[in-house]
Amino acid sequence: MAGAVTLDGKAFAAGLRERVSAEVASLKSEHGLTPGLAVVLVGEDPASQVYVRSKGKQTVECGMNSFEHKMDASVSQEELLAKVAELNADPAVHGILVQLPLPKHMDDLAVIDAIDPAKDVDGFHAINAGRLMTGGKGAAAPMVPCTPLGCLLLLRDHLGDMSGLTAVVVGRSNIVGKPMGQLLLQESCTVTIAHSRTKDLPSVCREADILVAAVGRPEMVKGDWIKPGATVIDVGINRIDVEGGKTRLVGDVATAEAREVAGAITPVPGGIGPMTIACLLANTVTATCRQAGIDAPDF
C-alpha cells in the first residue's frame, strides 16, 4: 500500500473558490446583492493576524465585501458584544466571524452565542450545533463549521458514497471533532469519536476506513495505527522545532509512516488548511442566499 494518494486540499480549495466567485457574480447581476463578511479580531495574536489577513484577501478576490474590525486585547467583553450587535443589525453584513482564541478575560461561548445564527458562518452557535445534530433541512439547515465541512468535501470527492464505512474521529472539540462526527453520521458511516481517555487508541484507529485526526498533537497518529487502505484526514497544524533553530509544520499524523499504509491522505500543509478558508467563503454565500430568500447553491 506504499504511496498513498494525496488528497490535495489546496487544489480543491482553488476550485471551490472559483465556484464561490461565480455564485457571487450571479448574486450581483441577478439580485443586486453583494455578500459581506465581517471578521472581528481581538488582540495581537500573530497566527490570528495572518489568518485574518488571508481571509480578507480571499474574500475580496471572490468579489465579496470584506469588513475587518480590529479591537485591542484590553477591550471589555461588553464592548465586543456591542460590536457583534452592531454587525447583527447591519444589512450589508451577511456573515460574522469572531476570530478565536479570545483574550482570557472573555467568555468565548457568550460571544459566539451573541452572533445572529443566520450570520454565524463559523457554525459554532448553539442553534447551528443543534441543527447539525438533528439533521436540520431547508429553513432549519445549519451553518456547518468550516473545517469539518472542508474535510467532508474532500472525503466525498475521493470516496463518493461513504455509506456503511467505519469512521473514527480522534478529538472531541466543538470546533472539529464533534461536528465532524455528526457529518459522518449523516453520510451513514458508523462513527466512533475517540479522545485522550480512549482505551487502546491505536486499536480503535485500526478499525477505521476513514480516520480523521484532530487532536493538536504533532505526529501522534503512527503508521501502525492505520488500517491498510484507509483514507486519512489530518486536521492538525503544529509547528515543531528542527535543527538549526528552524521550525516546520507537521500534522497530527506521522505522514511518512502513514503513507506506507493508507490508501489516501491529506498533506500538511496544503490539505485541510486551505479548505477551511474556502468553506468560510462558501458559507458566506450560503448565508447571504438564505437571508435573501434565494435558493442557496450546493457547493
C-alpha atoms as a PDB file:
ATOM      1  CA  MET A   1       0.000   0.000   0.000  1.00  0.00           C
ATOM      2  CA  ALA A   2       3.026   2.289  -0.247  1.00  0.00           C
ATOM      3  CA  GLY A   3       2.447   5.607  -1.917  1.00  0.00           C
ATOM      4  CA  ALA A   4      -0.934   6.711  -0.676  1.00  0.00           C
ATOM      5  CA  VAL A   5      -2.967   9.058  -2.886  1.00  0.00           C
ATOM      6  CA  THR A   6      -2.522  12.694  -1.835  1.00  0.00           C
ATOM      7  CA  LEU A   7      -5.814  14.494  -1.227  1.00  0.00           C
ATOM      8  CA  ASP A   8      -4.807  17.919  -2.496  1.00  0.00           C
ATOM      9  CA  GLY A   9      -6.787  20.401  -0.405  1.00  0.00           C
ATOM     10  CA  LYS A  10      -5.017  23.346  -1.989  1.00  0.00           C
ATOM     11  CA  ALA A  11      -6.197  22.394  -5.488  1.00  0.00           C
ATOM     12  CA  PHE A  12      -9.719  21.512  -4.343  1.00  0.00           C
ATOM     13  CA  ALA A  13      -9.979  24.793  -2.424  1.00  0.00           C
ATOM     14  CA  ALA A  14      -8.953  26.735  -5.547  1.00  0.00           C
ATOM     15  CA  GLY A  15     -11.796  25.093  -7.459  1.00  0.00           C
ATOM     16  CA  LEU A  16     -14.231  25.816  -4.630  1.00  0.00           C
ATOM     17  CA  ARG A  17     -13.211  29.487  -4.607  1.00  0.00           C
ATOM     18  CA  GLU A  18     -13.893  29.617  -8.362  1.00  0.00           C
ATOM     19  CA  ARG A  19     -17.412  28.261  -7.751  1.00  0.00           C
ATOM     20  CA  VAL A  20     -17.895  30.803  -4.950  1.00  0.00           C
ATOM     21  CA  SER A  21     -16.765  33.622  -7.260  1.00  0.00           C
ATOM     22  CA  ALA A  22     -19.260  32.506  -9.912  1.00  0.00           C
ATOM     23  CA  GLU A  23     -22.100  32.465  -7.351  1.00  0.00           C
ATOM     24  CA  VAL A  24     -21.107  35.921  -6.096  1.00  0.00           C
ATOM     25  CA  ALA A  25     -21.140  37.265  -9.671  1.00  0.00           C
ATOM     26  CA  SER A  26     -24.593  35.743 -10.155  1.00  0.00           C
ATOM     27  CA  LEU A  27     -25.932  37.294  -6.935  1.00  0.00           C
ATOM     28  CA  LYS A  28     -24.651  40.685  -8.054  1.00  0.00           C
ATOM     29  CA  SER A  29     -26.015  40.520 -11.605  1.00  0.00           C
ATOM     30  CA  GLU A  30     -29.342  38.819 -10.892  1.00  0.00           C
ATOM     31  CA  HIS A  31     -30.216  40.197  -7.454  1.00  0.00           C
ATOM     32  CA  GLY A  32     -28.065  43.318  -6.981  1.00  0.00           C
ATOM     33  CA  LEU A  33     -26.666  41.638  -3.870  1.00  0.00           C
ATOM     34  CA  THR A  34     -23.020  41.615  -2.731  1.00  0.00           C
ATOM     35  CA  PRO A  35     -22.220  39.154   0.084  1.00  0.00           C
ATOM     36  CA  GLY A  36     -20.410  40.779   3.012  1.00  0.00           C
ATOM     37  CA  LEU A  37     -18.157  39.032   5.542  1.00  0.00           C
ATOM     38  CA  ALA A  38     -17.204  40.775   8.781  1.00  0.00           C
ATOM     39  CA  VAL A  39     -14.227  39.454  10.759  1.00  0.00           C
ATOM     40  CA  VAL A  40     -13.550  40.685  14.291  1.00  0.00           C
ATOM     41  CA  LEU A  41     -10.015  40.290  15.623  1.00  0.00           C
ATOM     42  CA  VAL A  42      -9.370  40.997  19.296  1.00  0.00           C
ATOM     43  CA  GLY A  43      -5.736  41.391  20.334  1.00  0.00           C
ATOM     44  CA  GLU A  44      -2.409  40.805  18.600  1.00  0.00           C
ATOM     45  CA  ASP A  45      -2.127  37.014  18.299  1.00  0.00           C
ATOM     46  CA  PRO A  46       0.332  36.583  15.353  1.00  0.00           C
ATOM     47  CA  ALA A  47      -1.268  33.417  13.938  1.00  0.00           C
ATOM     48  CA  SER A  48      -4.723  35.003  14.098  1.00  0.00           C
ATOM     49  CA  GLN A  49      -3.458  38.146  12.360  1.00  0.00           C
ATOM     50  CA  VAL A  50      -2.044  36.095   9.461  1.00  0.00           C
ATOM     51  CA  TYR A  51      -5.260  34.078   9.216  1.00  0.00           C
ATOM     52  CA  VAL A  52      -7.482  37.196   9.237  1.00  0.00           C
ATOM     53  CA  ARG A  53      -5.362  38.840   6.519  1.00  0.00           C
ATOM     54  CA  SER A  54      -5.685  35.735   4.359  1.00  0.00           C
ATOM     55  CA  LYS A  55      -9.452  35.620   4.900  1.00  0.00           C
ATOM     56  CA  GLY A  56      -9.830  39.279   3.959  1.00  0.00           C
ATOM     57  CA  LYS A  57      -7.715  38.907   0.801  1.00  0.00           C
ATOM     58  CA  GLN A  58      -9.612  35.841  -0.427  1.00  0.00           C
ATOM     59  CA  THR A  59     -12.997  37.407   0.405  1.00  0.00           C
ATOM     60  CA  VAL A  60     -12.218  40.381  -1.841  1.00  0.00           C
ATOM     61  CA  GLU A  61     -10.766  38.153  -4.581  1.00  0.00           C
ATOM     62  CA  CYS A  62     -14.096  36.305  -4.731  1.00  0.00           C
ATOM     63  CA  GLY A  63     -15.952  39.586  -5.251  1.00  0.00           C
ATOM     64  CA  MET A  64     -17.398  39.910  -1.770  1.00  0.00           C
ATOM     65  CA  ASN A  65     -17.227  42.814   0.654  1.00  0.00           C
ATOM     66  CA  SER A  66     -14.736  42.350   3.479  1.00  0.00           C
ATOM     67  CA  PHE A  67     -15.201  44.197   6.774  1.00  0.00           C
ATOM     68  CA  GLU A  68     -12.346  43.884   9.284  1.00  0.00           C
ATOM     69  CA  HIS A  69     -12.762  45.118  12.843  1.00  0.00           C
ATOM     70  CA  LYS A  70      -9.623  45.075  14.991  1.00  0.00           C
ATOM     71  CA  MET A  71     -10.041  45.609  18.733  1.00  0.00           C
ATOM     72  CA  ASP A  72      -7.407  45.969  21.440  1.00  0.00           C
ATOM     73  CA  ALA A  73      -6.805  42.958  23.693  1.00  0.00           C
ATOM     74  CA  SER A  74      -7.847  45.070  26.671  1.00  0.00           C
ATOM     75  CA  VAL A  75     -11.395  45.773  25.425  1.00  0.00           C
ATOM     76  CA  SER A  76     -14.192  44.617  27.694  1.00  0.00           C
ATOM     77  CA  GLN A  77     -16.492  41.763  26.768  1.00  0.00           C
ATOM     78  CA  GLU A  78     -19.353  44.303  26.772  1.00  0.00           C
ATOM     79  CA  GLU A  79     -17.573  46.346  24.073  1.00  0.00           C
ATOM     80  CA  LEU A  80     -17.073  43.238  21.955  1.00  0.00           C
ATOM     81  CA  LEU A  81     -20.719  42.221  22.400  1.00  0.00           C
ATOM     82  CA  ALA A  82     -21.761  45.729  21.339  1.00  0.00           C
ATOM     83  CA  LYS A  83     -19.710  45.338  18.149  1.00  0.00           C
ATOM     84  CA  VAL A  84     -21.352  41.971  17.447  1.00  0.00           C
ATOM     85  CA  ALA A  85     -24.807  43.526  17.961  1.00  0.00           C
ATOM     86  CA  GLU A  86     -23.894  46.302  15.520  1.00  0.00           C
ATOM     87  CA  LEU A  87     -22.861  43.742  12.893  1.00  0.00           C
ATOM     88  CA  ASN A  88     -26.004  41.659  13.504  1.00  0.00           C
ATOM     89  CA  ALA A  89     -28.062  44.737  12.641  1.00  0.00           C
ATOM     90  CA  ASP A  90     -26.045  45.738   9.543  1.00  0.00           C
ATOM     91  CA  PRO A  91     -27.801  44.572   6.340  1.00  0.00           C
ATOM     92  CA  ALA A  92     -24.520  44.797   4.372  1.00  0.00           C
ATOM     93  CA  VAL A  93     -23.027  42.096   6.633  1.00  0.00           C
ATOM     94  CA  HIS A  94     -24.213  38.563   5.828  1.00  0.00           C
ATOM     95  CA  GLY A  95     -21.538  36.636   7.708  1.00  0.00           C
ATOM     96  CA  ILE A  96     -19.848  37.339  11.051  1.00  0.00           C
ATOM     97  CA  LEU A  97     -16.736  35.625  12.343  1.00  0.00           C
ATOM     98  CA  VAL A  98     -15.137  36.459  15.686  1.00  0.00           C
ATOM     99  CA  GLN A  99     -11.573  35.140  15.495  1.00  0.00           C
ATOM    100  CA  LEU A 100     -10.706  32.674  18.255  1.00  0.00           C
ATOM    101  CA  PRO A 101      -8.983  32.427  20.657  1.00  0.00           C
ATOM    102  CA  LEU A 102     -10.260  35.460  22.530  1.00  0.00           C
ATOM    103  CA  PRO A 103      -8.351  37.067  25.427  1.00  0.00           C
ATOM    104  CA  LYS A 104      -8.620  35.143  28.673  1.00  0.00           C
ATOM    105  CA  HIS A 105     -10.963  37.645  30.340  1.00  0.00           C
ATOM    106  CA  MET A 106     -13.678  36.863  27.791  1.00  0.00           C
ATOM    107  CA  ASP A 107     -16.217  34.039  27.609  1.00  0.00           C
ATOM    108  CA  ASP A 108     -15.894  32.538  24.116  1.00  0.00           C
ATOM    109  CA  LEU A 109     -19.305  30.855  24.214  1.00  0.00           C
ATOM    110  CA  ALA A 110     -21.109  34.018  25.326  1.00  0.00           C
ATOM    111  CA  VAL A 111     -19.585  35.916  22.410  1.00  0.00           C
ATOM    112  CA  ILE A 112     -20.360  33.159  19.884  1.00  0.00           C
ATOM    113  CA  ASP A 113     -23.950  32.918  21.100  1.00  0.00           C
ATOM    114  CA  ALA A 114     -24.372  36.685  20.660  1.00  0.00           C
ATOM    115  CA  ILE A 115     -23.917  36.267  16.883  1.00  0.00           C
ATOM    116  CA  ASP A 116     -27.126  36.013  14.847  1.00  0.00           C
ATOM    117  CA  PRO A 117     -27.277  32.259  13.972  1.00  0.00           C
ATOM    118  CA  ALA A 118     -28.164  33.191  10.375  1.00  0.00           C
ATOM    119  CA  LYS A 119     -24.888  35.150  10.131  1.00  0.00           C
ATOM    120  CA  ASP A 120     -22.800  32.615  12.081  1.00  0.00           C
ATOM    121  CA  VAL A 121     -20.594  31.488   9.175  1.00  0.00           C
ATOM    122  CA  ASP A 122     -18.272  29.624  11.574  1.00  0.00           C
ATOM    123  CA  GLY A 123     -21.195  27.374  12.541  1.00  0.00           C
ATOM    124  CA  PHE A 124     -20.360  27.470  16.261  1.00  0.00           C
ATOM    125  CA  HIS A 125     -23.615  28.957  17.620  1.00  0.00           C
ATOM    126  CA  ALA A 126     -25.603  26.566  19.834  1.00  0.00           C
ATOM    127  CA  ILE A 127     -28.561  26.751  17.411  1.00  0.00           C
ATOM    128  CA  ASN A 128     -26.383  25.737  14.460  1.00  0.00           C
ATOM    129  CA  ALA A 129     -24.741  22.971  16.506  1.00  0.00           C
ATOM    130  CA  GLY A 130     -28.196  21.685  17.471  1.00  0.00           C
ATOM    131  CA  ARG A 131     -29.474  21.825  13.916  1.00  0.00           C
ATOM    132  CA  LEU A 132     -26.415  19.910  12.727  1.00  0.00           C
ATOM    133  CA  MET A 133     -27.027  17.220  15.340  1.00  0.00           C
ATOM    134  CA  THR A 134     -30.716  16.868  14.417  1.00  0.00           C
ATOM    135  CA  GLY A 135     -30.081  16.940  10.673  1.00  0.00           C
ATOM    136  CA  GLY A 136     -31.957  20.184  10.018  1.00  0.00           C
ATOM    137  CA  LYS A 137     -33.037  20.769   6.415  1.00  0.00           C
ATOM    138  CA  GLY A 138     -34.423  23.704   4.442  1.00  0.00           C
ATOM    139  CA  ALA A 139     -35.115  26.724   6.637  1.00  0.00           C
ATOM    140  CA  ALA A 140     -33.721  24.781   9.614  1.00  0.00           C
ATOM    141  CA  ALA A 141     -30.475  23.809   7.860  1.00  0.00           C
ATOM    142  CA  PRO A 142     -27.405  24.606   9.970  1.00  0.00           C
ATOM    143  CA  MET A 143     -24.358  26.637   9.101  1.00  0.00           C
ATOM    144  CA  VAL A 144     -21.696  23.919   9.187  1.00  0.00           C
ATOM    145  CA  PRO A 145     -18.296  24.612  10.799  1.00  0.00           C
ATOM    146  CA  CYS A 146     -15.743  25.322   8.089  1.00  0.00           C
ATOM    147  CA  THR A 147     -13.007  22.808   8.924  1.00  0.00           C
ATOM    148  CA  PRO A 148     -15.297  19.744   9.206  1.00  0.00           C
ATOM    149  CA  LEU A 149     -17.117  20.878   6.060  1.00  0.00           C
ATOM    150  CA  GLY A 150     -13.777  21.030   4.238  1.00  0.00           C
ATOM    151  CA  CYS A 151     -12.954  17.514   5.424  1.00  0.00           C
ATOM    152  CA  LEU A 152     -16.345  16.251   4.252  1.00  0.00           C
ATOM    153  CA  LEU A 153     -15.995  17.789   0.773  1.00  0.00           C
ATOM    154  CA  LEU A 154     -12.596  16.125   0.293  1.00  0.00           C
ATOM    155  CA  LEU A 155     -13.948  12.787   1.514  1.00  0.00           C
ATOM    156  CA  ARG A 156     -16.963  12.969  -0.810  1.00  0.00           C
ATOM    157  CA  ASP A 157     -14.725  13.876  -3.728  1.00  0.00           C
ATOM    158  CA  HIS A 158     -12.399  10.938  -3.091  1.00  0.00           C
ATOM    159  CA  LEU A 159     -14.745   8.228  -1.808  1.00  0.00           C
ATOM    160  CA  GLY A 160     -18.161   9.120  -3.218  1.00  0.00           C
ATOM    161  CA  ASP A 161     -20.706   7.084  -1.248  1.00  0.00           C
ATOM    162  CA  MET A 162     -19.474   6.536   2.323  1.00  0.00           C
ATOM    163  CA  SER A 163     -22.498   4.542   3.477  1.00  0.00           C
ATOM    164  CA  GLY A 164     -21.543   1.708   5.823  1.00  0.00           C
ATOM    165  CA  LEU A 165     -17.897   2.709   6.225  1.00  0.00           C
ATOM    166  CA  THR A 166     -16.343   2.769   9.677  1.00  0.00           C
ATOM    167  CA  ALA A 167     -15.122   6.253  10.638  1.00  0.00           C
ATOM    168  CA  VAL A 168     -13.004   7.188  13.636  1.00  0.00           C
ATOM    169  CA  VAL A 169     -12.569  10.827  14.645  1.00  0.00           C
ATOM    170  CA  VAL A 170      -9.701  11.406  17.066  1.00  0.00           C
ATOM    171  CA  GLY A 171     -10.547  14.570  19.007  1.00  0.00           C
ATOM    172  CA  ARG A 172     -13.796  15.789  20.553  1.00  0.00           C
ATOM    173  CA  SER A 173     -13.626  19.580  20.218  1.00  0.00           C
ATOM    174  CA  ASN A 174     -16.735  21.620  19.476  1.00  0.00           C
ATOM    175  CA  ILE A 175     -14.891  23.143  16.503  1.00  0.00           C
ATOM    176  CA  VAL A 176     -13.838  19.962  14.680  1.00  0.00           C
ATOM    177  CA  GLY A 177     -14.324  16.614  16.423  1.00  0.00           C
ATOM    178  CA  LYS A 178     -17.998  16.730  17.401  1.00  0.00           C
ATOM    179  CA  PRO A 179     -19.339  18.314  14.189  1.00  0.00           C
ATOM    180  CA  MET A 180     -17.145  16.004  12.094  1.00  0.00           C
ATOM    181  CA  GLY A 181     -18.758  13.033  13.818  1.00  0.00           C
ATOM    182  CA  GLN A 182     -22.235  14.397  13.052  1.00  0.00           C
ATOM    183  CA  LEU A 183     -21.399  14.969   9.365  1.00  0.00           C
ATOM    184  CA  LEU A 184     -20.052  11.429   9.005  1.00  0.00           C
ATOM    185  CA  LEU A 185     -23.180  10.024  10.694  1.00  0.00           C
ATOM    186  CA  GLN A 186     -25.254  11.884   8.106  1.00  0.00           C
ATOM    187  CA  GLU A 187     -23.195  10.134   5.411  1.00  0.00           C
ATOM    188  CA  SER A 188     -24.344   6.828   7.012  1.00  0.00           C
ATOM    189  CA  CYS A 189     -20.921   5.956   8.397  1.00  0.00           C
ATOM    190  CA  THR A 190     -20.537   4.028  11.646  1.00  0.00           C
ATOM    191  CA  VAL A 191     -18.799   6.632  13.777  1.00  0.00           C
ATOM    192  CA  THR A 192     -16.543   6.493  16.823  1.00  0.00           C
ATOM    193  CA  ILE A 193     -15.289   9.702  18.431  1.00  0.00           C
ATOM    194  CA  ALA A 194     -12.061   8.852  20.235  1.00  0.00           C
ATOM    195  CA  HIS A 195     -10.019  11.091  22.543  1.00  0.00           C
ATOM    196  CA  SER A 196      -7.296  11.251  25.193  1.00  0.00           C
ATOM    197  CA  ARG A 197      -9.196   8.904  27.545  1.00  0.00           C
ATOM    198  CA  THR A 198      -9.927   6.264  24.918  1.00  0.00           C
ATOM    199  CA  LYS A 199      -8.575   2.862  25.938  1.00  0.00           C
ATOM    200  CA  ASP A 200      -6.126   1.354  23.427  1.00  0.00           C
ATOM    201  CA  LEU A 201      -6.481   4.216  20.974  1.00  0.00           C
ATOM    202  CA  PRO A 202      -4.220   2.581  18.331  1.00  0.00           C
ATOM    203  CA  SER A 203      -6.506  -0.463  18.047  1.00  0.00           C
ATOM    204  CA  VAL A 204      -9.596   1.784  17.776  1.00  0.00           C
ATOM    205  CA  CYS A 205      -7.937   3.712  14.951  1.00  0.00           C
ATOM    206  CA  ARG A 206      -7.025   0.463  13.146  1.00  0.00           C
ATOM    207  CA  GLU A 207     -10.735  -0.258  12.664  1.00  0.00           C
ATOM    208  CA  ALA A 208     -11.248   2.911  10.623  1.00  0.00           C
ATOM    209  CA  ASP A 209     -11.937   3.017   6.901  1.00  0.00           C
ATOM    210  CA  ILE A 210     -11.932   6.806   7.416  1.00  0.00           C
ATOM    211  CA  LEU A 211      -9.606   8.229  10.086  1.00  0.00           C
ATOM    212  CA  VAL A 212      -9.841  11.932  10.988  1.00  0.00           C
ATOM    213  CA  ALA A 213      -7.080  13.186  13.302  1.00  0.00           C
ATOM    214  CA  ALA A 214      -7.891  16.460  15.081  1.00  0.00           C
ATOM    215  CA  VAL A 215      -6.075  16.497  18.405  1.00  0.00           C
ATOM    216  CA  GLY A 216      -3.368  19.149  18.038  1.00  0.00           C
ATOM    217  CA  ARG A 217      -0.517  16.779  18.975  1.00  0.00           C
ATOM    218  CA  PRO A 218       2.362  16.622  16.484  1.00  0.00           C
ATOM    219  CA  GLU A 219       2.578  13.291  14.621  1.00  0.00           C
ATOM    220  CA  MET A 220       0.680  11.420  17.344  1.00  0.00           C
ATOM    221  CA  VAL A 221      -1.048   9.006  14.960  1.00  0.00           C
ATOM    222  CA  LYS A 222       1.564   6.487  13.834  1.00  0.00           C
ATOM    223  CA  GLY A 223       1.666   4.361  10.707  1.00  0.00           C
ATOM    224  CA  ASP A 224       0.812   1.172  12.611  1.00  0.00           C
ATOM    225  CA  TRP A 225      -2.385   2.810  13.906  1.00  0.00           C
ATOM    226  CA  ILE A 226      -3.799   2.875  10.377  1.00  0.00           C
ATOM    227  CA  LYS A 227      -5.844   0.211   8.619  1.00  0.00           C
ATOM    228  CA  PRO A 228      -4.307  -0.705   5.239  1.00  0.00           C
ATOM    229  CA  GLY A 229      -6.033   1.295   2.518  1.00  0.00           C
ATOM    230  CA  ALA A 230      -7.779   3.694   4.908  1.00  0.00           C
ATOM    231  CA  THR A 231      -8.476   7.317   3.997  1.00  0.00           C
ATOM    232  CA  VAL A 232      -6.698   9.604   6.469  1.00  0.00           C
ATOM    233  CA  ILE A 233      -7.718  13.227   7.051  1.00  0.00           C
ATOM    234  CA  ASP A 234      -5.070  15.126   9.040  1.00  0.00           C
ATOM    235  CA  VAL A 235      -6.577  18.288  10.540  1.00  0.00           C
ATOM    236  CA  GLY A 236      -3.587  19.113  12.731  1.00  0.00           C
ATOM    237  CA  ILE A 237      -1.308  22.074  12.051  1.00  0.00           C
ATOM    238  CA  ASN A 238       1.571  22.023  14.533  1.00  0.00           C
ATOM    239  CA  ARG A 239       4.829  23.970  14.371  1.00  0.00           C
ATOM    240  CA  ILE A 240       7.806  21.985  15.652  1.00  0.00           C
ATOM    241  CA  ASP A 241      11.477  22.856  16.123  1.00  0.00           C
ATOM    242  CA  VAL A 242      14.041  21.315  13.774  1.00  0.00           C
ATOM    243  CA  GLU A 243      17.823  21.543  13.552  1.00  0.00           C
ATOM    244  CA  GLY A 244      19.458  24.923  13.064  1.00  0.00           C
ATOM    245  CA  GLY A 245      16.878  26.812  15.103  1.00  0.00           C
ATOM    246  CA  LYS A 246      14.275  26.470  12.381  1.00  0.00           C
ATOM    247  CA  THR A 247      10.693  25.229  12.558  1.00  0.00           C
ATOM    248  CA  ARG A 248       8.378  23.314  10.257  1.00  0.00           C
ATOM    249  CA  LEU A 249       4.700  22.462  10.091  1.00  0.00           C
ATOM    250  CA  VAL A 250       3.522  18.928  10.751  1.00  0.00           C
ATOM    251  CA  GLY A 251       0.119  17.394  11.251  1.00  0.00           C
ATOM    252  CA  ASP A 252      -1.332  15.106  13.897  1.00  0.00           C
ATOM    253  CA  VAL A 253      -0.328  12.108  11.760  1.00  0.00           C
ATOM    254  CA  ALA A 254       3.215  10.803  11.209  1.00  0.00           C
ATOM    255  CA  THR A 255       2.844  11.312   7.471  1.00  0.00           C
ATOM    256  CA  ALA A 256       5.841   9.361   6.176  1.00  0.00           C
ATOM    257  CA  GLU A 257       4.795   6.240   8.118  1.00  0.00           C
ATOM    258  CA  ALA A 258       1.125   6.701   7.272  1.00  0.00           C
ATOM    259  CA  ARG A 259       1.798   6.930   3.531  1.00  0.00           C
ATOM    260  CA  GLU A 260       3.170   3.365   3.627  1.00  0.00           C
ATOM    261  CA  VAL A 261      -0.198   2.049   4.839  1.00  0.00           C
ATOM    262  CA  ALA A 262      -3.035   4.424   3.966  1.00  0.00           C
ATOM    263  CA  GLY A 263      -4.901   4.464   0.680  1.00  0.00           C
ATOM    264  CA  ALA A 264      -5.181   8.252   0.709  1.00  0.00           C
ATOM    265  CA  ILE A 265      -4.044  11.057   2.999  1.00  0.00           C
ATOM    266  CA  THR A 266      -4.189  14.842   3.249  1.00  0.00           C
ATOM    267  CA  PRO A 267      -0.808  16.627   3.409  1.00  0.00           C
ATOM    268  CA  VAL A 268       0.243  19.234   5.975  1.00  0.00           C
ATOM    269  CA  PRO A 269       0.488  21.954   4.851  1.00  0.00           C
ATOM    270  CA  GLY A 270      -1.739  22.033   1.773  1.00  0.00           C
ATOM    271  CA  GLY A 271      -4.532  19.779   2.965  1.00  0.00           C
ATOM    272  CA  ILE A 272      -7.315  20.913   5.269  1.00  0.00           C
ATOM    273  CA  GLY A 273      -5.918  24.409   5.933  1.00  0.00           C
ATOM    274  CA  PRO A 274      -6.823  25.868   2.506  1.00  0.00           C
ATOM    275  CA  MET A 275     -10.196  24.091   2.642  1.00  0.00           C
ATOM    276  CA  THR A 276     -11.165  25.884   5.850  1.00  0.00           C
ATOM    277  CA  ILE A 277     -10.995  29.384   4.355  1.00  0.00           C
ATOM    278  CA  ALA A 278     -12.628  28.273   1.091  1.00  0.00           C
ATOM    279  CA  CYS A 279     -15.520  26.793   3.085  1.00  0.00           C
ATOM    280  CA  LEU A 280     -15.831  30.032   5.060  1.00  0.00           C
ATOM    281  CA  LEU A 281     -16.338  31.867   1.761  1.00  0.00           C
ATOM    282  CA  ALA A 282     -18.872  29.245   0.636  1.00  0.00           C
ATOM    283  CA  ASN A 283     -20.715  29.577   3.969  1.00  0.00           C
ATOM    284  CA  THR A 284     -20.878  33.354   3.497  1.00  0.00           C
ATOM    285  CA  VAL A 285     -22.578  32.884   0.114  1.00  0.00           C
ATOM    286  CA  THR A 286     -24.943  30.309   1.648  1.00  0.00           C
ATOM    287  CA  ALA A 287     -25.820  32.709   4.481  1.00  0.00           C
ATOM    288  CA  THR A 288     -26.398  35.564   2.023  1.00  0.00           C
ATOM    289  CA  CYS A 289     -28.796  33.476  -0.056  1.00  0.00           C
ATOM    290  CA  ARG A 290     -30.762  32.236   2.956  1.00  0.00           C
ATOM    291  CA  GLN A 291     -31.125  35.758   4.357  1.00  0.00           C
ATOM    292  CA  ALA A 292     -32.411  36.990   0.983  1.00  0.00           C
ATOM    293  CA  GLY A 293     -34.804  34.072   0.474  1.00  0.00           C
ATOM    294  CA  ILE A 294     -32.798  32.814  -2.523  1.00  0.00           C
ATOM    295  CA  ASP A 295     -32.058  29.106  -3.094  1.00  0.00           C
ATOM    296  CA  ALA A 296     -28.553  28.528  -1.756  1.00  0.00           C
ATOM    297  CA  PRO A 297     -26.073  26.726  -4.043  1.00  0.00           C
ATOM    298  CA  ASP A 298     -24.877  23.221  -3.217  1.00  0.00           C
ATOM    299  CA  PHE A 299     -21.108  23.546  -3.060  1.00  0.00           C
END
